[in-house]
Each structure stands twice: as structure tokens, then as C-alpha cells.
Amino acid sequence: MTQYLLSVHGSDEDFANVPDDEMQKMFAAVDAFNEKVKAEGAWVFAGGLLPADQSTTVDNTGDKPIVTDGPYAESKEYLGGFWIIEAPDLDAALKWAEEGSKACAGKVEVRPFAAE
């Protein structure tokens, strides 16, 4: 089995005007999706992230570390959450991504982990 990262990207504008009842439906759909992934044995790990402005960047490539508030890259879109799953092949991972995308109402990028 190969592990895949299913990452959800979006922007503040994507969810800025979503009514609370719609947001609660999305959360419930994601919870149901998570339970299905677990039940079918594909679950490894998943998590939602706070907005990018809550991040801290550490650069220790020079003489001393530099710690900066905020994201590494300035962008309109950011990583909002992710799943790490196990799937027999890319086609199976893409099927999971289709369901995850529907549940979270966002685009999902699928990337395999490098083989060890």
C-alpha cells in the first residue's frame, strides 16, 4: 500500500460568506467521510489547520535561526487541512479525494509519498 497526502487548499474568501448552518453541514460531512476512511482501513492521519496567518516560519539555513510570524509564502490560497491515507494505487486515492472534496466543499490535491 502507498501512502498519499490529500490536501485541501483554499482562501479566506472561499469560506468568508458561508452561513454557519452550511459550515456545520460541511463539518458533519467531513466527519462522516473520516469515519468511512477509517472503517475501510485507509486512514492514517488527518487534520485541519488554523489560517495561514497563525503560522510561524523558522529559517535556520544561515548563521543563526530566524523566526518570523506568518507563512513562508505569501499567497491568496493556503493549506487548510489534509488527510494521509493508504491506498493500493493512485486510482483508489483519487476516488477518496473525490469523496473528500465533496465533503469539505473544496479542491483536494493528491500526492503520493516518496518510496522509502
PDB file of N, CA and C in Angstrom:
ATOM      1  N   MET A   1       0.843  -1.187   0.000  1.00  0.00           N
ATOM      2  CA  MET A   1       0.000   0.000   0.000  1.00  0.00           C
ATOM      3  C   MET A   1       0.884   1.244   0.000  1.00  0.00           C
ATOM      4  N   THR A   2       0.467   2.219  -0.745  1.00  0.00           N
ATOM      5  CA  THR A   2       1.170   3.503  -0.808  1.00  0.00           C
ATOM      6  C   THR A   2       0.415   4.505   0.044  1.00  0.00           C
ATOM      7  N   GLN A   3       1.158   5.385   0.698  1.00  0.00           N
ATOM      8  CA  GLN A   3       0.520   6.468   1.434  1.00  0.00           C
ATOM      9  C   GLN A   3       0.415   7.688   0.522  1.00  0.00           C
ATOM     10  N   TYR A   4      -0.717   8.375   0.630  1.00  0.00           N
ATOM     11  CA  TYR A   4      -0.995   9.567  -0.166  1.00  0.00           C
ATOM     12  C   TYR A   4      -1.388  10.714   0.752  1.00  0.00           C
ATOM     13  N   LEU A   5      -0.962  11.906   0.371  1.00  0.00           N
ATOM     14  CA  LEU A   5      -1.400  13.127   1.034  1.00  0.00           C
ATOM     15  C   LEU A   5      -2.544  13.699   0.213  1.00  0.00           C
ATOM     16  N   LEU A   6      -3.700  13.844   0.830  1.00  0.00           N
ATOM     17  CA  LEU A   6      -4.847  14.509   0.213  1.00  0.00           C
ATOM     18  C   LEU A   6      -4.949  15.856   0.908  1.00  0.00           C
ATOM     19  N   SER A   7      -4.555  16.906   0.221  1.00  0.00           N
ATOM     20  CA  SER A   7      -4.502  18.229   0.843  1.00  0.00           C
ATOM     21  C   SER A   7      -5.609  19.127   0.309  1.00  0.00           C
ATOM     22  N   VAL A   8      -6.180  19.893   1.223  1.00  0.00           N
ATOM     23  CA  VAL A   8      -7.285  20.800   0.907  1.00  0.00           C
ATOM     24  C   VAL A   8      -6.728  22.214   0.894  1.00  0.00           C
ATOM     25  N   HIS A   9      -6.844  22.869  -0.244  1.00  0.00           N
ATOM     26  CA  HIS A   9      -6.357  24.236  -0.391  1.00  0.00           C
ATOM     27  C   HIS A   9      -7.540  25.173  -0.556  1.00  0.00           C
ATOM     28  N   GLY A  10      -7.394  26.380  -0.058  1.00  0.00           N
ATOM     29  CA  GLY A  10      -8.464  27.352  -0.211  1.00  0.00           C
ATOM     30  C   GLY A  10      -7.985  28.721   0.207  1.00  0.00           C
ATOM     31  N   SER A  11      -8.905  29.640   0.192  1.00  0.00           N
ATOM     32  CA  SER A  11      -8.587  31.008   0.581  1.00  0.00           C
ATOM     33  C   SER A  11      -9.608  31.469   1.609  1.00  0.00           C
ATOM     34  N   ASP A  12      -9.289  32.571   2.267  1.00  0.00           N
ATOM     35  CA  ASP A  12     -10.237  33.138   3.232  1.00  0.00           C
ATOM     36  C   ASP A  12     -11.555  33.470   2.553  1.00  0.00           C
ATOM     37  N   GLU A  13     -11.496  33.895   1.294  1.00  0.00           N
ATOM     38  CA  GLU A  13     -12.709  34.262   0.567  1.00  0.00           C
ATOM     39  C   GLU A  13     -13.610  33.054   0.309  1.00  0.00           C
ATOM     40  N   ASP A  14     -13.001  31.857   0.211  1.00  0.00           N
ATOM     41  CA  ASP A  14     -13.799  30.666  -0.057  1.00  0.00           C
ATOM     42  C   ASP A  14     -14.844  30.428   1.025  1.00  0.00           C
ATOM     43  N   PHE A  15     -14.528  30.774   2.253  1.00  0.00           N
ATOM     44  CA  PHE A  15     -15.430  30.475   3.353  1.00  0.00           C
ATOM     45  C   PHE A  15     -15.928  31.712   4.087  1.00  0.00           C
ATOM     46  N   ALA A  16     -15.550  32.889   3.627  1.00  0.00           N
ATOM     47  CA  ALA A  16     -15.911  34.127   4.324  1.00  0.00           C
ATOM     48  C   ALA A  16     -17.415  34.336   4.410  1.00  0.00           C
ATOM     49  N   ASN A  17     -18.133  33.949   3.384  1.00  0.00           N
ATOM     50  CA  ASN A  17     -19.574  34.229   3.346  1.00  0.00           C
ATOM     51  C   ASN A  17     -20.432  32.985   3.498  1.00  0.00           C
ATOM     52  N   VAL A  18     -19.837  31.894   3.985  1.00  0.00           N
ATOM     53  CA  VAL A  18     -20.606  30.673   4.167  1.00  0.00           C
ATOM     54  C   VAL A  18     -21.409  30.787   5.461  1.00  0.00           C
ATOM     55  N   PRO A  19     -22.728  30.674   5.383  1.00  0.00           N
ATOM     56  CA  PRO A  19     -23.547  30.752   6.596  1.00  0.00           C
ATOM     57  C   PRO A  19     -23.185  29.634   7.578  1.00  0.00           C
ATOM     58  N   ASP A  20     -23.374  29.903   8.854  1.00  0.00           N
ATOM     59  CA  ASP A  20     -22.986  28.951   9.893  1.00  0.00           C
ATOM     60  C   ASP A  20     -23.658  27.595   9.706  1.00  0.00           C
ATOM     61  N   ASP A  21     -24.931  27.568   9.319  1.00  0.00           N
ATOM     62  CA  ASP A  21     -25.615  26.278   9.152  1.00  0.00           C
ATOM     63  C   ASP A  21     -24.990  25.472   8.017  1.00  0.00           C
ATOM     64  N   GLU A  22     -24.538  26.140   6.959  1.00  0.00           N
ATOM     65  CA  GLU A  22     -23.860  25.446   5.863  1.00  0.00           C
ATOM     66  C   GLU A  22     -22.488  24.940   6.316  1.00  0.00           C
ATOM     67  N   MET A  23     -21.790  25.722   7.112  1.00  0.00           N
ATOM     68  CA  MET A  23     -20.491  25.308   7.636  1.00  0.00           C
ATOM     69  C   MET A  23     -20.657  24.077   8.527  1.00  0.00           C
ATOM     70  N   GLN A  24     -21.706  24.049   9.336  1.00  0.00           N
ATOM     71  CA  GLN A  24     -21.953  22.896  10.205  1.00  0.00           C
ATOM     72  C   GLN A  24     -22.256  21.640   9.384  1.00  0.00           C
ATOM     73  N   LYS A  25     -22.980  21.797   8.279  1.00  0.00           N
ATOM     74  CA  LYS A  25     -23.245  20.665   7.376  1.00  0.00           C
ATOM     75  C   LYS A  25     -21.942  20.148   6.784  1.00  0.00           C
ATOM     76  N   MET A  26     -21.041  21.066   6.417  1.00  0.00           N
ATOM     77  CA  MET A  26     -19.745  20.664   5.862  1.00  0.00           C
ATOM     78  C   MET A  26     -18.938  19.895   6.905  1.00  0.00           C
ATOM     79  N   PHE A  27     -18.905  20.404   8.143  1.00  0.00           N
ATOM     80  CA  PHE A  27     -18.178  19.709   9.212  1.00  0.00           C
ATOM     81  C   PHE A  27     -18.738  18.302   9.410  1.00  0.00           C
ATOM     82  N   ALA A  28     -20.054  18.164   9.385  1.00  0.00           N
ATOM     83  CA  ALA A  28     -20.683  16.852   9.547  1.00  0.00           C
ATOM     84  C   ALA A  28     -20.322  15.929   8.387  1.00  0.00           C
ATOM     85  N   ALA A  29     -20.295  16.473   7.174  1.00  0.00           N
ATOM     86  CA  ALA A  29     -19.931  15.672   6.001  1.00  0.00           C
ATOM     87  C   ALA A  29     -18.480  15.204   6.094  1.00  0.00           C
ATOM     88  N   VAL A  30     -17.597  16.071   6.557  1.00  0.00           N
ATOM     89  CA  VAL A  30     -16.187  15.688   6.716  1.00  0.00           C
ATOM     90  C   VAL A  30     -16.057  14.624   7.804  1.00  0.00           C
ATOM     91  N   ASP A  31     -16.781  14.773   8.899  1.00  0.00           N
ATOM     92  CA  ASP A  31     -16.754  13.755   9.960  1.00  0.00           C
ATOM     93  C   ASP A  31     -17.214  12.403   9.419  1.00  0.00           C
ATOM     94  N   ALA A  32     -18.276  12.396   8.632  1.00  0.00           N
ATOM     95  CA  ALA A  32     -18.785  11.153   8.043  1.00  0.00           C
ATOM     96  C   ALA A  32     -17.754  10.551   7.082  1.00  0.00           C
ATOM     97  N   PHE A  33     -17.120  11.407   6.285  1.00  0.00           N
ATOM     98  CA  PHE A  33     -16.076  10.935   5.378  1.00  0.00           C
ATOM     99  C   PHE A  33     -14.930  10.319   6.174  1.00  0.00           C
ATOM    100  N   ASN A  34     -14.498  11.002   7.235  1.00  0.00           N
ATOM    101  CA  ASN A  34     -13.409  10.479   8.076  1.00  0.00           C
ATOM    102  C   ASN A  34     -13.763   9.096   8.620  1.00  0.00           C
ATOM    103  N   GLU A  35     -14.992   8.926   9.085  1.00  0.00           N
ATOM    104  CA  GLU A  35     -15.403   7.633   9.631  1.00  0.00           C
ATOM    105  C   GLU A  35     -15.389   6.548   8.552  1.00  0.00           C
ATOM    106  N   LYS A  36     -15.765   6.905   7.323  1.00  0.00           N
ATOM    107  CA  LYS A  36     -15.743   5.936   6.225  1.00  0.00           C
ATOM    108  C   LYS A  36     -14.310   5.529   5.898  1.00  0.00           C
ATOM    109  N   VAL A  37     -13.400   6.507   5.842  1.00  0.00           N
ATOM    110  CA  VAL A  37     -11.990   6.204   5.553  1.00  0.00           C
ATOM    111  C   VAL A  37     -11.435   5.267   6.632  1.00  0.00           C
ATOM    112  N   LYS A  38     -11.772   5.543   7.896  1.00  0.00           N
ATOM    113  CA  LYS A  38     -11.327   4.682   8.998  1.00  0.00           C
ATOM    114  C   LYS A  38     -11.912   3.280   8.870  1.00  0.00           C
ATOM    115  N   ALA A  39     -13.213   3.200   8.622  1.00  0.00           N
ATOM    116  CA  ALA A  39     -13.897   1.907   8.544  1.00  0.00           C
ATOM    117  C   ALA A  39     -13.348   1.036   7.422  1.00  0.00           C
ATOM    118  N   GLU A  40     -12.890   1.651   6.348  1.00  0.00           N
ATOM    119  CA  GLU A  40     -12.379   0.889   5.213  1.00  0.00           C
ATOM    120  C   GLU A  40     -10.873   0.654   5.291  1.00  0.00           C
ATOM    121  N   GLY A  41     -10.252   1.075   6.393  1.00  0.00           N
ATOM    122  CA  GLY A  41      -8.842   0.767   6.630  1.00  0.00           C
ATOM    123  C   GLY A  41      -7.855   1.618   5.868  1.00  0.00           C
ATOM    124  N   ALA A  42      -8.292   2.737   5.311  1.00  0.00           N
ATOM    125  CA  ALA A  42      -7.381   3.603   4.552  1.00  0.00           C
ATOM    126  C   ALA A  42      -6.811   4.734   5.403  1.00  0.00           C
ATOM    127  N   TRP A  43      -7.353   4.940   6.582  1.00  0.00           N
ATOM    128  CA  TRP A  43      -6.979   6.061   7.459  1.00  0.00           C
ATOM    129  C   TRP A  43      -5.573   5.895   8.013  1.00  0.00           C
ATOM    130  N   VAL A  44      -4.777   6.953   7.917  1.00  0.00           N
ATOM    131  CA  VAL A  44      -3.504   7.037   8.621  1.00  0.00           C
ATOM    132  C   VAL A  44      -3.563   8.195   9.602  1.00  0.00           C
ATOM    133  N   PHE A  45      -3.896   9.380   9.090  1.00  0.00           N
ATOM    134  CA  PHE A  45      -3.917  10.581   9.923  1.00  0.00           C
ATOM    135  C   PHE A  45      -4.597  11.692   9.135  1.00  0.00           C
ATOM    136  N   ALA A  46      -5.186  12.649   9.835  1.00  0.00           N
ATOM    137  CA  ALA A  46      -5.798  13.808   9.175  1.00  0.00           C
ATOM    138  C   ALA A  46      -5.837  14.967  10.150  1.00  0.00           C
ATOM    139  N   GLY A  47      -5.991  16.159   9.614  1.00  0.00           N
ATOM    140  CA  GLY A  47      -6.107  17.317  10.478  1.00  0.00           C
ATOM    141  C   GLY A  47      -6.494  18.559   9.712  1.00  0.00           C
ATOM    142  N   GLY A  48      -7.179  19.438  10.416  1.00  0.00           N
ATOM    143  CA  GLY A  48      -7.495  20.755   9.892  1.00  0.00           C
ATOM    144  C   GLY A  48      -6.509  21.753  10.475  1.00  0.00           C
ATOM    145  N   LEU A  49      -6.202  22.768   9.733  1.00  0.00           N
ATOM    146  CA  LEU A  49      -5.221  23.762  10.162  1.00  0.00           C
ATOM    147  C   LEU A  49      -5.878  25.121  10.385  1.00  0.00           C
ATOM    148  N   LEU A  50      -5.325  25.872  11.312  1.00  0.00           N
ATOM    149  CA  LEU A  50      -5.757  27.251  11.502  1.00  0.00           C
ATOM    150  C   LEU A  50      -5.304  28.076  10.300  1.00  0.00           C
ATOM    151  N   PRO A  51      -5.844  29.270  10.114  1.00  0.00           N
ATOM    152  CA  PRO A  51      -5.450  30.103   8.970  1.00  0.00           C
ATOM    153  C   PRO A  51      -3.933  30.344   8.917  1.00  0.00           C
ATOM    154  N   ALA A  52      -3.448  30.601   7.727  1.00  0.00           N
ATOM    155  CA  ALA A  52      -2.010  30.773   7.498  1.00  0.00           C
ATOM    156  C   ALA A  52      -1.414  31.900   8.329  1.00  0.00           C
ATOM    157  N   ASP A  53      -2.217  32.906   8.676  1.00  0.00           N
ATOM    158  CA  ASP A  53      -1.662  33.994   9.474  1.00  0.00           C
ATOM    159  C   ASP A  53      -1.350  33.557  10.912  1.00  0.00           C
ATOM    160  N   GLN A  54      -1.726  32.351  11.261  1.00  0.00           N
ATOM    161  CA  GLN A  54      -1.404  31.796  12.579  1.00  0.00           C
ATOM    162  C   GLN A  54      -0.094  31.003  12.565  1.00  0.00           C
ATOM    163  N   SER A  55       0.568  30.943  11.417  1.00  0.00           N
ATOM    164  CA  SER A  55       1.794  30.149  11.299  1.00  0.00           C
ATOM    165  C   SER A  55       3.030  30.944  11.712  1.00  0.00           C
ATOM    166  N   THR A  56       4.108  30.217  11.915  1.00  0.00           N
ATOM    167  CA  THR A  56       5.420  30.786  12.219  1.00  0.00           C
ATOM    168  C   THR A  56       6.434  30.092  11.321  1.00  0.00           C
ATOM    169  N   THR A  57       7.327  30.856  10.728  1.00  0.00           N
ATOM    170  CA  THR A  57       8.347  30.299   9.845  1.00  0.00           C
ATOM    171  C   THR A  57       9.704  30.345  10.538  1.00  0.00           C
ATOM    172  N   VAL A  58      10.429  29.233  10.468  1.00  0.00           N
ATOM    173  CA  VAL A  58      11.766  29.132  11.038  1.00  0.00           C
ATOM    174  C   VAL A  58      12.754  28.909   9.899  1.00  0.00           C
ATOM    175  N   ASP A  59      13.768  29.763   9.807  1.00  0.00           N
ATOM    176  CA  ASP A  59      14.833  29.638   8.805  1.00  0.00           C
ATOM    177  C   ASP A  59      16.161  29.490   9.532  1.00  0.00           C
ATOM    178  N   ASN A  60      16.684  28.288   9.544  1.00  0.00           N
ATOM    179  CA  ASN A  60      17.973  28.031  10.185  1.00  0.00           C
ATOM    180  C   ASN A  60      19.004  27.625   9.135  1.00  0.00           C
ATOM    181  N   THR A  61      18.972  28.296   7.985  1.00  0.00           N
ATOM    182  CA  THR A  61      19.909  27.980   6.915  1.00  0.00           C
ATOM    183  C   THR A  61      21.141  28.874   6.945  1.00  0.00           C
ATOM    184  N   GLY A  62      21.139  29.879   7.795  1.00  0.00           N
ATOM    185  CA  GLY A  62      22.271  30.800   7.883  1.00  0.00           C
ATOM    186  C   GLY A  62      23.058  30.584   9.157  1.00  0.00           C
ATOM    187  N   ASP A  63      23.662  31.652   9.645  1.00  0.00           N
ATOM    188  CA  ASP A  63      24.492  31.581  10.849  1.00  0.00           C
ATOM    189  C   ASP A  63      23.675  31.334  12.112  1.00  0.00           C
ATOM    190  N   LYS A  64      22.464  31.844  12.140  1.00  0.00           N
ATOM    191  CA  LYS A  64      21.607  31.637  13.303  1.00  0.00           C
ATOM    192  C   LYS A  64      20.156  31.552  12.837  1.00  0.00           C
ATOM    193  N   PRO A  65      19.292  30.910  13.628  1.00  0.00           N
ATOM    194  CA  PRO A  65      17.895  30.780  13.218  1.00  0.00           C
ATOM    195  C   PRO A  65      17.175  32.125  13.212  1.00  0.00           C
ATOM    196  N   ILE A  66      16.288  32.268  12.239  1.00  0.00           N
ATOM    197  CA  ILE A  66      15.428  33.445  12.148  1.00  0.00           C
ATOM    198  C   ILE A  66      13.989  32.943  12.244  1.00  0.00           C
ATOM    199  N   VAL A  67      13.249  33.449  13.216  1.00  0.00           N
ATOM    200  CA  VAL A  67      11.867  33.052  13.432  1.00  0.00           C
ATOM    201  C   VAL A  67      10.976  34.243  13.067  1.00  0.00           C
ATOM    202  N   THR A  68      10.033  33.996  12.157  1.00  0.00           N
ATOM    203  CA  THR A  68       9.177  35.059  11.644  1.00  0.00           C
ATOM    204  C   THR A  68       7.714  34.666  11.791  1.00  0.00           C
ATOM    205  N   ASP A  69       6.900  35.580  12.287  1.00  0.00           N
ATOM    206  CA  ASP A  69       5.462  35.328  12.339  1.00  0.00           C
ATOM    207  C   ASP A  69       4.911  35.318  10.926  1.00  0.00           C
ATOM    208  N   GLY A  70       4.009  34.396  10.670  1.00  0.00           N
ATOM    209  CA  GLY A  70       3.348  34.342   9.374  1.00  0.00           C
ATOM    210  C   GLY A  70       3.858  33.228   8.493  1.00  0.00           C
ATOM    211  N   PRO A  71       3.189  33.043   7.372  1.00  0.00           N
ATOM    212  CA  PRO A  71       3.516  31.934   6.469  1.00  0.00           C
ATOM    213  C   PRO A  71       4.838  32.148   5.730  1.00  0.00           C
ATOM    214  N   TYR A  72       5.401  31.042   5.260  1.00  0.00           N
ATOM    215  CA  TYR A  72       6.633  31.087   4.474  1.00  0.00           C
ATOM    216  C   TYR A  72       6.392  31.808   3.153  1.00  0.00           C
ATOM    217  N   ALA A  73       5.302  31.468   2.490  1.00  0.00           N
ATOM    218  CA  ALA A  73       4.999  32.063   1.183  1.00  0.00           C
ATOM    219  C   ALA A  73       3.752  32.929   1.281  1.00  0.00           C
ATOM    220  N   GLU A  74       3.800  34.081   0.659  1.00  0.00           N
ATOM    221  CA  GLU A  74       2.616  34.936   0.581  1.00  0.00           C
ATOM    222  C   GLU A  74       1.755  34.411  -0.561  1.00  0.00           C
ATOM    223  N   SER A  75       0.510  34.139  -0.267  1.00  0.00           N
ATOM    224  CA  SER A  75      -0.370  33.549  -1.260  1.00  0.00           C
ATOM    225  C   SER A  75      -1.819  33.848  -0.906  1.00  0.00           C
ATOM    226  N   LYS A  76      -2.678  33.845  -1.905  1.00  0.00           N
ATOM    227  CA  LYS A  76      -4.105  34.006  -1.643  1.00  0.00           C
ATOM    228  C   LYS A  76      -4.695  32.700  -1.130  1.00  0.00           C
ATOM    229  N   GLU A  77      -4.104  31.582  -1.530  1.00  0.00           N
ATOM    230  CA  GLU A  77      -4.578  30.283  -1.099  1.00  0.00           C
ATOM    231  C   GLU A  77      -3.575  29.666  -0.143  1.00  0.00           C
ATOM    232  N   TYR A  78      -4.066  28.819   0.737  1.00  0.00           N
ATOM    233  CA  TYR A  78      -3.199  28.163   1.702  1.00  0.00           C
ATOM    234  C   TYR A  78      -3.748  26.770   1.993  1.00  0.00           C
ATOM    235  N   LEU A  79      -2.916  25.965   2.633  1.00  0.00           N
ATOM    236  CA  LEU A  79      -3.302  24.626   3.034  1.00  0.00           C
ATOM    237  C   LEU A  79      -4.232  24.733   4.233  1.00  0.00           C
ATOM    238  N   GLY A  80      -5.439  24.220   4.092  1.00  0.00           N
ATOM    239  CA  GLY A  80      -6.414  24.331   5.162  1.00  0.00           C
ATOM    240  C   GLY A  80      -6.565  23.067   5.981  1.00  0.00           C
ATOM    241  N   GLY A  81      -6.194  21.954   5.394  1.00  0.00           N
ATOM    242  CA  GLY A  81      -6.296  20.674   6.085  1.00  0.00           C
ATOM    243  C   GLY A  81      -5.808  19.562   5.185  1.00  0.00           C
ATOM    244  N   PHE A  82      -5.792  18.349   5.715  1.00  0.00           N
ATOM    245  CA  PHE A  82      -5.242  17.247   4.943  1.00  0.00           C
ATOM    246  C   PHE A  82      -5.682  15.908   5.513  1.00  0.00           C
ATOM    247  N   TRP A  83      -5.563  14.900   4.680  1.00  0.00           N
ATOM    248  CA  TRP A  83      -5.671  13.505   5.096  1.00  0.00           C
ATOM    249  C   TRP A  83      -4.418  12.798   4.610  1.00  0.00           C
ATOM    250  N   ILE A  84      -3.942  11.875   5.371  1.00  0.00           N
ATOM    251  CA  ILE A  84      -2.931  10.930   4.907  1.00  0.00           C
ATOM    252  C   ILE A  84      -3.630   9.583   4.908  1.00  0.00           C
ATOM    253  N   ILE A  85      -3.663   8.963   3.746  1.00  0.00           N
ATOM    254  CA  ILE A  85      -4.366   7.691   3.594  1.00  0.00           C
ATOM    255  C   ILE A  85      -3.427   6.648   3.013  1.00  0.00           C
ATOM    256  N   GLU A  86      -3.829   5.397   3.124  1.00  0.00           N
ATOM    257  CA  GLU A  86      -3.159   4.312   2.421  1.00  0.00           C
ATOM    258  C   GLU A  86      -4.111   3.807   1.355  1.00  0.00           C
ATOM    259  N   ALA A  87      -3.585   3.633   0.151  1.00  0.00           N
ATOM    260  CA  ALA A  87      -4.392   3.149  -0.961  1.00  0.00           C
ATOM    261  C   ALA A  87      -3.534   2.241  -1.833  1.00  0.00           C
ATOM    262  N   PRO A  88      -4.154   1.286  -2.498  1.00  0.00           N
ATOM    263  CA  PRO A  88      -3.378   0.362  -3.323  1.00  0.00           C
ATOM    264  C   PRO A  88      -2.754   1.012  -4.560  1.00  0.00           C
ATOM    265  N   ASP A  89      -3.373   2.113  -5.038  1.00  0.00           N
ATOM    266  CA  ASP A  89      -2.840   2.783  -6.221  1.00  0.00           C
ATOM    267  C   ASP A  89      -3.431   4.192  -6.323  1.00  0.00           C
ATOM    268  N   LEU A  90      -2.958   4.931  -7.311  1.00  0.00           N
ATOM    269  CA  LEU A  90      -3.409   6.310  -7.496  1.00  0.00           C
ATOM    270  C   LEU A  90      -4.904   6.380  -7.780  1.00  0.00           C
ATOM    271  N   ASP A  91      -5.419   5.456  -8.554  1.00  0.00           N
ATOM    272  CA  ASP A  91      -6.856   5.487  -8.866  1.00  0.00           C
ATOM    273  C   ASP A  91      -7.697   5.401  -7.595  1.00  0.00           C
ATOM    274  N   ALA A  92      -7.302   4.544  -6.671  1.00  0.00           N
ATOM    275  CA  ALA A  92      -8.034   4.418  -5.409  1.00  0.00           C
ATOM    276  C   ALA A  92      -7.912   5.703  -4.589  1.00  0.00           C
ATOM    277  N   ALA A  93      -6.708   6.296  -4.576  1.00  0.00           N
ATOM    278  CA  ALA A  93      -6.507   7.560  -3.854  1.00  0.00           C
ATOM    279  C   ALA A  93      -7.358   8.673  -4.455  1.00  0.00           C
ATOM    280  N   LEU A  94      -7.473   8.681  -5.778  1.00  0.00           N
ATOM    281  CA  LEU A  94      -8.293   9.701  -6.443  1.00  0.00           C
ATOM    282  C   LEU A  94      -9.772   9.535  -6.097  1.00  0.00           C
ATOM    283  N   LYS A  95     -10.225   8.308  -5.951  1.00  0.00           N
ATOM    284  CA  LYS A  95     -11.615   8.077  -5.534  1.00  0.00           C
ATOM    285  C   LYS A  95     -11.852   8.644  -4.131  1.00  0.00           C
ATOM    286  N   TRP A  96     -10.893   8.423  -3.220  1.00  0.00           N
ATOM    287  CA  TRP A  96     -11.016   9.009  -1.884  1.00  0.00           C
ATOM    288  C   TRP A  96     -11.029  10.533  -1.974  1.00  0.00           C
ATOM    289  N   ALA A  97     -10.176  11.084  -2.824  1.00  0.00           N
ATOM    290  CA  ALA A  97     -10.117  12.543  -2.967  1.00  0.00           C
ATOM    291  C   ALA A  97     -11.434  13.104  -3.492  1.00  0.00           C
ATOM    292  N   GLU A  98     -12.085  12.382  -4.402  1.00  0.00           N
ATOM    293  CA  GLU A  98     -13.386  12.826  -4.903  1.00  0.00           C
ATOM    294  C   GLU A  98     -14.380  12.945  -3.759  1.00  0.00           C
ATOM    295  N   GLU A  99     -14.414  11.941  -2.895  1.00  0.00           N
ATOM    296  CA  GLU A  99     -15.341  11.976  -1.760  1.00  0.00           C
ATOM    297  C   GLU A  99     -14.953  13.058  -0.757  1.00  0.00           C
ATOM    298  N   GLY A 100     -13.646  13.205  -0.512  1.00  0.00           N
ATOM    299  CA  GLY A 100     -13.184  14.232   0.414  1.00  0.00           C
ATOM    300  C   GLY A 100     -13.487  15.630  -0.093  1.00  0.00           C
ATOM    301  N   SER A 101     -13.313  15.829  -1.380  1.00  0.00           N
ATOM    302  CA  SER A 101     -13.602  17.125  -1.989  1.00  0.00           C
ATOM    303  C   SER A 101     -15.075  17.484  -1.838  1.00  0.00           C
ATOM    304  N   LYS A 102     -15.937  16.510  -2.065  1.00  0.00           N
ATOM    305  CA  LYS A 102     -17.377  16.738  -1.916  1.00  0.00           C
ATOM    306  C   LYS A 102     -17.702  17.076  -0.459  1.00  0.00           C
ATOM    307  N   ALA A 103     -17.087  16.337   0.474  1.00  0.00           N
ATOM    308  CA  ALA A 103     -17.385  16.537   1.902  1.00  0.00           C
ATOM    309  C   ALA A 103     -16.950  17.911   2.398  1.00  0.00           C
ATOM    310  N   CYS A 104     -15.747  18.347   1.982  1.00  0.00           N
ATOM    311  CA  CYS A 104     -15.227  19.615   2.509  1.00  0.00           C
ATOM    312  C   CYS A 104     -15.525  20.803   1.607  1.00  0.00           C
ATOM    313  N   ALA A 105     -16.200  20.553   0.493  1.00  0.00           N
ATOM    314  CA  ALA A 105     -16.574  21.604  -0.450  1.00  0.00           C
ATOM    315  C   ALA A 105     -15.366  22.404  -0.920  1.00  0.00           C
ATOM    316  N   GLY A 106     -14.274  21.683  -1.205  1.00  0.00           N
ATOM    317  CA  GLY A 106     -13.056  22.337  -1.690  1.00  0.00           C
ATOM    318  C   GLY A 106     -12.252  21.420  -2.582  1.00  0.00           C
ATOM    319  N   LYS A 107     -11.274  21.990  -3.236  1.00  0.00           N
ATOM    320  CA  LYS A 107     -10.387  21.206  -4.095  1.00  0.00           C
ATOM    321  C   LYS A 107      -9.431  20.401  -3.230  1.00  0.00           C
ATOM    322  N   VAL A 108      -9.131  19.186  -3.674  1.00  0.00           N
ATOM    323  CA  VAL A 108      -8.216  18.301  -2.957  1.00  0.00           C
ATOM    324  C   VAL A 108      -7.100  17.879  -3.904  1.00  0.00           C
ATOM    325  N   GLU A 109      -5.872  18.137  -3.495  1.00  0.00           N
ATOM    326  CA  GLU A 109      -4.694  17.718  -4.259  1.00  0.00           C
ATOM    327  C   GLU A 109      -4.230  16.368  -3.725  1.00  0.00           C
ATOM    328  N   VAL A 110      -3.870  15.457  -4.627  1.00  0.00           N
ATOM    329  CA  VAL A 110      -3.411  14.118  -4.246  1.00  0.00           C
ATOM    330  C   VAL A 110      -1.940  13.977  -4.616  1.00  0.00           C
ATOM    331  N   ARG A 111      -1.116  13.622  -3.613  1.00  0.00           N
ATOM    332  CA  ARG A 111       0.309  13.412  -3.859  1.00  0.00           C
ATOM    333  C   ARG A 111       0.778  12.172  -3.122  1.00  0.00           C
ATOM    334  N   PRO A 112       1.453  11.261  -3.828  1.00  0.00           N
ATOM    335  CA  PRO A 112       1.996  10.091  -3.147  1.00  0.00           C
ATOM    336  C   PRO A 112       3.254  10.473  -2.370  1.00  0.00           C
ATOM    337  N   PHE A 113       3.476   9.760  -1.275  1.00  0.00           N
ATOM    338  CA  PHE A 113       4.722   9.926  -0.552  1.00  0.00           C
ATOM    339  C   PHE A 113       5.828   9.211  -1.318  1.00  0.00           C
ATOM    340  N   ALA A 114       7.053   9.706  -1.210  1.00  0.00           N
ATOM    341  CA  ALA A 114       8.194   9.075  -1.842  1.00  0.00           C
ATOM    342  C   ALA A 114       8.408   7.688  -1.227  1.00  0.00           C
ATOM    343  N   ALA A 115       8.759   6.727  -2.050  1.00  0.00           N
ATOM    344  CA  ALA A 115       9.034   5.375  -1.563  1.00  0.00           C
ATOM    345  C   ALA A 115      10.299   5.406  -0.705  1.00  0.00           C
ATOM    346  N   GLU A 116      10.279   4.582   0.311  1.00  0.00           N
ATOM    347  CA  GLU A 116      11.453   4.529   1.199  1.00  0.00           C
ATOM    348  C   GLU A 116      12.564   3.730   0.604  1.00  0.00           C
TER     349      GLU A 116
END
